Amino acid sequence: MYSASVNGGPVSMMIQHSDLCGPDGKWAVGPSGGKPPVAWRRFEGTMRTIHLESVDSTNEEAKRRLRAGELSTHSCIVAREQTAGRGSRGRKWSSPKDAGIYLSLVHRVGLDRADVQTVLGLTTLAAGVACVEALHRVVGIDVRLKPVNDLIAQGRKLGGILTEAMIENGRPEALIVGVGVNVRIAPRPTLPDALEPVCVQELVDPVRFGHGDVGELIGELADRIRGWVDLVLDGDVAAVREAWERYRIDGAAWPLGLGAT
């Protein structure tokens, strides 16, 4: 889903890799069960990273912090859980604690208001490409893209993307790319007409999952999303479309009105 929106904050803190990693930095739960440690890796370059224990929505938190002037040109907010996560068409996105990746990336950029809907649409598709690449590289999962914002694995929904624009005084000030990926098995209520959910744990070999590092996947997602969104902002629609066509589900069509026909 993509939309232009405005909103109105919880306190969080800046942390480093060592503050969040467990002794082994893994995402899996051992045979005896228990709470998985949360892993994180520090971004290189200029991206500021903020970690939250719990938040209503990482996208909403991004808007609050933008309004307060707390976010730099490129920023990332990640939470262990969301209490009011959102998906397409205003649907709730189930975000159980420590069972998924819930993040929002902020790109501060001045846009022409007339271009907002096109840029939001392209950004959603580009972020989908980034997610497919990141999931394949880190955990070896074959993910496909279902318009406009679904990440599909083995016919079920692994994740989704919610792209929004922050509007201040009638001018778009930033793009916010929200991403949710199901990582661990957990209860995830769905509507009757919704796709059945699936998670990384169900898709990979138990040994590989047991040695996985959720921090590596978070970092890869953020890095790749930033790179693909930069292509959108540079006007390289052809590159985005070429990659999206490669990863789309069978029968899916490039949305009308987004160029590079």
Protein backbone atom coordinates (compact mmCIF):
# COMPACT_ATOMS: atom_id res chain seq x y z
CA MET A 1 0.00 0.00 0.00
CA TYR A 2 1.15 3.53 -0.57
CA SER A 3 -0.39 6.75 0.60
CA ALA A 4 0.39 10.34 1.53
CA SER A 5 -0.37 11.07 5.16
CA VAL A 6 0.28 13.35 8.10
CA ASN A 7 0.39 12.40 11.84
CA GLY A 8 1.37 13.49 15.30
CA GLY A 9 5.82 10.51 21.27
CA PRO A 10 7.38 7.62 22.94
CA VAL A 11 10.96 7.83 24.09
CA SER A 12 13.65 5.57 22.64
CA MET A 13 17.41 5.43 22.65
CA MET A 14 20.31 5.06 20.28
CA ILE A 15 22.07 1.75 20.73
CA GLN A 16 24.91 -0.23 19.22
CA HIS A 17 25.33 -3.82 18.15
CA SER A 18 26.66 -5.00 21.49
CA ASP A 19 23.67 -3.57 23.34
CA LEU A 20 21.21 -5.87 21.57
CA CYS A 21 22.95 -9.09 20.63
CA GLY A 22 22.58 -12.13 22.79
CA PRO A 23 25.65 -14.26 23.53
CA ASP A 24 25.43 -15.88 20.11
CA GLY A 25 23.57 -13.10 18.26
CA LYS A 26 21.07 -15.57 16.80
CA TRP A 27 17.35 -15.39 16.09
CA ALA A 28 16.32 -18.97 16.78
CA VAL A 29 14.82 -20.55 19.87
CA GLY A 30 16.59 -23.60 21.25
CA PRO A 31 14.95 -26.97 21.90
CA SER A 32 13.89 -25.90 25.38
CA GLY A 33 12.09 -22.84 24.05
CA GLY A 34 12.54 -19.45 25.66
CA LYS A 35 12.92 -15.92 24.46
CA PRO A 36 15.18 -15.36 21.44
CA PRO A 37 17.83 -12.67 21.73
CA VAL A 38 17.43 -9.74 19.40
CA ALA A 39 20.39 -9.11 17.12
CA TRP A 40 21.35 -5.91 15.36
CA ARG A 41 24.28 -4.73 13.37
CA ARG A 42 25.42 -1.14 13.18
CA PHE A 43 24.93 0.52 9.81
CA GLU A 44 27.89 1.97 8.02
CA GLY A 45 27.75 5.45 6.58
CA THR A 46 25.18 8.08 7.53
CA MET A 47 22.13 6.02 8.45
CA ARG A 48 20.94 6.64 12.00
CA THR A 49 19.36 3.62 13.69
CA ILE A 50 16.85 3.60 16.55
CA HIS A 51 15.64 0.49 18.35
CA LEU A 52 12.35 0.28 20.26
CA GLU A 53 11.12 -2.44 22.57
CA SER A 54 7.51 -1.78 21.56
CA VAL A 55 5.69 0.81 19.47
CA ASP A 56 2.27 1.27 17.95
CA SER A 57 3.74 1.40 14.43
CA THR A 58 7.26 2.09 13.22
CA ASN A 59 5.83 4.26 10.44
CA GLU A 60 3.88 6.33 12.95
CA GLU A 61 6.97 6.65 15.14
CA ALA A 62 8.93 7.84 12.12
CA LYS A 63 6.34 10.57 11.50
CA ARG A 64 6.46 11.71 15.12
CA ARG A 65 10.24 11.92 15.07
CA LEU A 66 10.28 13.72 11.74
CA ARG A 67 7.88 16.29 13.11
CA ALA A 68 10.13 16.73 16.15
CA GLY A 69 13.18 17.21 13.93
CA GLU A 70 14.94 14.13 15.35
CA LEU A 71 15.70 12.20 12.15
CA SER A 72 18.57 12.71 9.74
CA THR A 73 18.56 12.35 5.97
CA HIS A 74 18.58 8.55 6.19
CA SER A 75 17.24 6.91 9.34
CA CYS A 76 15.95 3.49 10.37
CA ILE A 77 13.53 2.61 13.17
CA VAL A 78 13.17 -1.02 14.22
CA ALA A 79 10.93 -2.48 16.93
CA ARG A 80 10.64 -5.84 18.66
CA GLU A 81 6.86 -5.57 18.38
CA GLN A 82 4.13 -3.32 17.03
CA THR A 83 0.84 -2.95 18.84
CA ALA A 84 -0.95 -1.31 15.92
CA GLY A 85 0.99 -2.36 12.83
CA ARG A 86 -0.71 -1.51 9.53
CA GLY A 87 -0.85 -3.18 6.15
CA SER A 88 -2.58 -2.46 2.86
CA ARG A 89 -6.02 -0.83 2.80
CA GLY A 90 -5.74 -0.04 6.50
CA ARG A 91 -5.65 -3.68 7.55
CA LYS A 92 -3.87 -4.64 10.76
CA TRP A 93 -0.42 -6.18 10.39
CA SER A 94 0.13 -8.80 13.08
CA SER A 95 3.44 -8.01 14.79
CA PRO A 96 4.03 -10.41 17.73
CA LYS A 97 7.07 -9.70 19.88
CA ASP A 98 10.38 -11.15 18.68
CA ALA A 99 8.58 -13.09 15.93
CA GLY A 100 9.31 -10.78 13.01
CA ILE A 101 11.18 -7.83 11.61
CA TYR A 102 9.30 -4.54 11.89
CA LEU A 103 11.18 -1.57 10.53
CA SER A 104 10.74 1.78 8.84
CA LEU A 105 13.31 3.59 6.74
CA VAL A 106 13.13 7.35 6.36
CA HIS A 107 14.43 9.19 3.31
CA ARG A 108 14.29 12.95 3.79
CA VAL A 109 13.74 14.38 0.35
CA GLY A 110 11.94 17.31 -1.20
CA LEU A 111 9.33 16.23 -3.75
CA ASP A 112 6.93 18.02 -6.00
CA ARG A 113 3.47 17.33 -4.62
CA ALA A 114 2.29 16.42 -8.12
CA ASP A 115 4.86 13.61 -8.21
CA VAL A 116 4.08 12.09 -4.81
CA GLN A 117 1.74 9.27 -5.83
CA THR A 118 4.05 8.14 -8.64
CA VAL A 119 7.11 8.21 -6.38
CA LEU A 120 5.24 6.32 -3.65
CA GLY A 121 4.16 3.64 -6.10
CA LEU A 122 7.66 3.21 -7.52
CA THR A 123 9.18 3.21 -4.04
CA THR A 124 6.87 0.40 -2.92
CA LEU A 125 7.85 -1.71 -5.94
CA ALA A 126 11.56 -0.91 -5.51
CA ALA A 127 11.43 -1.81 -1.81
CA GLY A 128 9.86 -5.13 -2.79
CA VAL A 129 12.82 -5.86 -5.05
CA ALA A 130 15.18 -5.00 -2.19
CA CYS A 131 13.36 -7.38 0.16
CA VAL A 132 13.49 -10.24 -2.35
CA GLU A 133 17.23 -9.76 -2.80
CA ALA A 134 17.94 -9.45 0.93
CA LEU A 135 15.94 -12.55 1.88
CA HIS A 136 17.59 -14.59 -0.85
CA ARG A 137 21.10 -13.49 0.08
CA VAL A 138 20.80 -13.93 3.85
CA VAL A 139 18.51 -16.96 4.20
CA GLY A 140 18.24 -18.42 0.70
CA ILE A 141 14.46 -18.01 0.40
CA ASP A 142 12.83 -17.66 -3.01
CA VAL A 143 10.39 -14.75 -2.61
CA ARG A 144 8.05 -13.35 -5.23
CA LEU A 145 6.26 -9.99 -5.45
CA LYS A 146 2.49 -9.68 -5.59
CA PRO A 147 1.19 -6.20 -6.42
CA VAL A 148 1.33 -3.95 -4.89
CA ASN A 149 3.07 -4.69 -1.61
CA ASP A 150 3.07 -8.40 -0.73
CA LEU A 151 6.12 -10.65 -0.26
CA ILE A 152 5.07 -14.18 -1.23
CA ALA A 153 6.84 -17.47 -0.47
CA GLN A 154 5.39 -20.84 -1.43
CA GLY A 155 2.04 -19.20 -2.11
CA ARG A 156 1.75 -17.66 1.36
CA LYS A 157 2.42 -14.18 2.70
CA LEU A 158 5.87 -13.74 4.23
CA GLY A 159 5.75 -9.98 4.56
CA GLY A 160 4.58 -6.68 3.24
CA ILE A 161 5.52 -3.08 2.57
CA LEU A 162 3.77 0.17 3.50
CA THR A 163 5.16 3.30 1.87
CA GLU A 164 3.99 6.74 2.94
CA ALA A 165 4.92 10.37 2.46
CA MET A 166 5.31 12.85 5.29
CA ILE A 167 3.52 16.06 4.30
CA GLU A 168 4.28 19.31 6.13
CA ASN A 169 2.78 22.68 5.13
CA GLY A 170 1.50 21.11 1.94
CA ARG A 171 4.96 19.91 0.90
CA PRO A 172 6.28 16.32 0.90
CA GLU A 173 9.25 16.29 3.27
CA ALA A 174 10.16 12.59 3.49
CA LEU A 175 9.43 9.09 2.29
CA ILE A 176 8.79 6.40 4.89
CA VAL A 177 9.18 2.78 3.85
CA GLY A 178 7.72 0.35 6.37
CA VAL A 179 8.58 -3.34 6.09
CA GLY A 180 7.28 -6.33 8.01
CA VAL A 181 8.73 -9.82 7.62
CA ASN A 182 7.52 -12.87 9.55
CA VAL A 183 10.55 -14.60 11.06
CA ARG A 184 9.43 -17.04 13.76
CA ILE A 185 6.36 -19.23 14.19
CA ALA A 186 3.76 -17.33 16.23
CA PRO A 187 -0.01 -16.77 16.26
CA ARG A 188 -0.92 -14.38 13.45
CA PRO A 189 -4.67 -13.77 13.15
CA THR A 190 -5.77 -13.07 9.59
CA LEU A 191 -8.97 -12.01 7.91
CA PRO A 192 -10.95 -14.70 6.04
CA ASP A 193 -10.02 -13.32 2.61
CA ALA A 194 -6.34 -12.76 3.46
CA LEU A 195 -3.45 -14.91 2.32
CA GLU A 196 -2.26 -17.48 4.83
CA PRO A 197 0.89 -16.24 6.58
CA VAL A 198 4.24 -18.01 6.52
CA CYS A 199 7.52 -17.26 8.28
CA VAL A 200 11.24 -17.76 7.69
CA GLN A 201 11.36 -20.53 10.29
CA GLU A 202 8.92 -22.59 8.21
CA LEU A 203 10.83 -22.06 4.99
CA VAL A 204 14.42 -22.89 5.85
CA ASP A 205 16.30 -25.88 7.15
CA PRO A 206 16.21 -26.01 10.97
CA VAL A 207 20.00 -26.04 11.16
CA ARG A 208 20.28 -22.97 8.95
CA PHE A 209 17.57 -21.21 10.93
CA GLY A 210 19.33 -22.09 14.16
CA HIS A 211 22.49 -20.37 12.93
CA GLY A 212 20.69 -17.36 11.46
CA ASP A 213 21.35 -13.79 12.55
CA VAL A 214 18.31 -11.54 12.43
CA GLY A 215 20.60 -8.53 12.68
CA GLU A 216 22.26 -9.47 9.42
CA LEU A 217 18.87 -9.70 7.72
CA ILE A 218 17.73 -6.35 9.15
CA GLY A 219 20.92 -4.70 7.95
CA GLU A 220 20.68 -6.26 4.51
CA LEU A 221 17.05 -5.18 4.14
CA ALA A 222 17.81 -1.61 5.16
CA ASP A 223 20.91 -1.30 2.97
CA ARG A 224 19.18 -2.69 -0.11
CA ILE A 225 15.99 -0.68 0.38
CA ARG A 226 18.04 2.48 0.65
CA GLY A 227 19.90 1.65 -2.56
CA TRP A 228 16.76 0.83 -4.56
CA VAL A 229 14.88 3.89 -3.30
CA ASP A 230 17.82 6.04 -4.32
CA LEU A 231 17.39 4.66 -7.86
CA VAL A 232 13.75 5.75 -7.81
CA LEU A 233 14.71 9.22 -6.65
CA ASP A 234 17.36 9.34 -9.39
CA GLY A 235 14.65 8.59 -11.96
CA ASP A 236 15.91 5.15 -13.01
CA VAL A 237 12.45 3.63 -13.46
CA ALA A 238 13.70 1.19 -16.09
CA ALA A 239 16.05 -0.53 -13.62
CA VAL A 240 13.28 -0.85 -11.04
CA ARG A 241 10.85 -2.28 -13.57
CA GLU A 242 13.37 -4.75 -14.97
CA ALA A 243 14.08 -6.15 -11.51
CA TRP A 244 10.43 -6.14 -10.44
CA GLU A 245 9.41 -8.06 -13.58
CA ARG A 246 12.03 -10.67 -12.74
CA TYR A 247 10.64 -11.25 -9.25
CA ARG A 248 6.89 -10.82 -9.72
CA ILE A 249 4.45 -13.68 -9.30
CA ASP A 250 3.10 -15.22 -12.49
CA GLY A 251 0.39 -13.11 -14.05
CA ALA A 252 1.20 -9.93 -12.17
CA ALA A 253 1.36 -6.75 -14.26
CA TRP A 254 3.40 -3.59 -13.80
CA PRO A 255 0.99 -0.96 -12.40
CA LEU A 256 -0.32 1.50 -14.96
CA GLY A 257 0.98 5.04 -14.84
CA LEU A 258 4.38 4.32 -13.32
CA GLY A 259 6.43 4.76 -16.48
CA ALA A 260 9.21 2.81 -18.23
CA THR A 261 6.65 1.22 -20.57
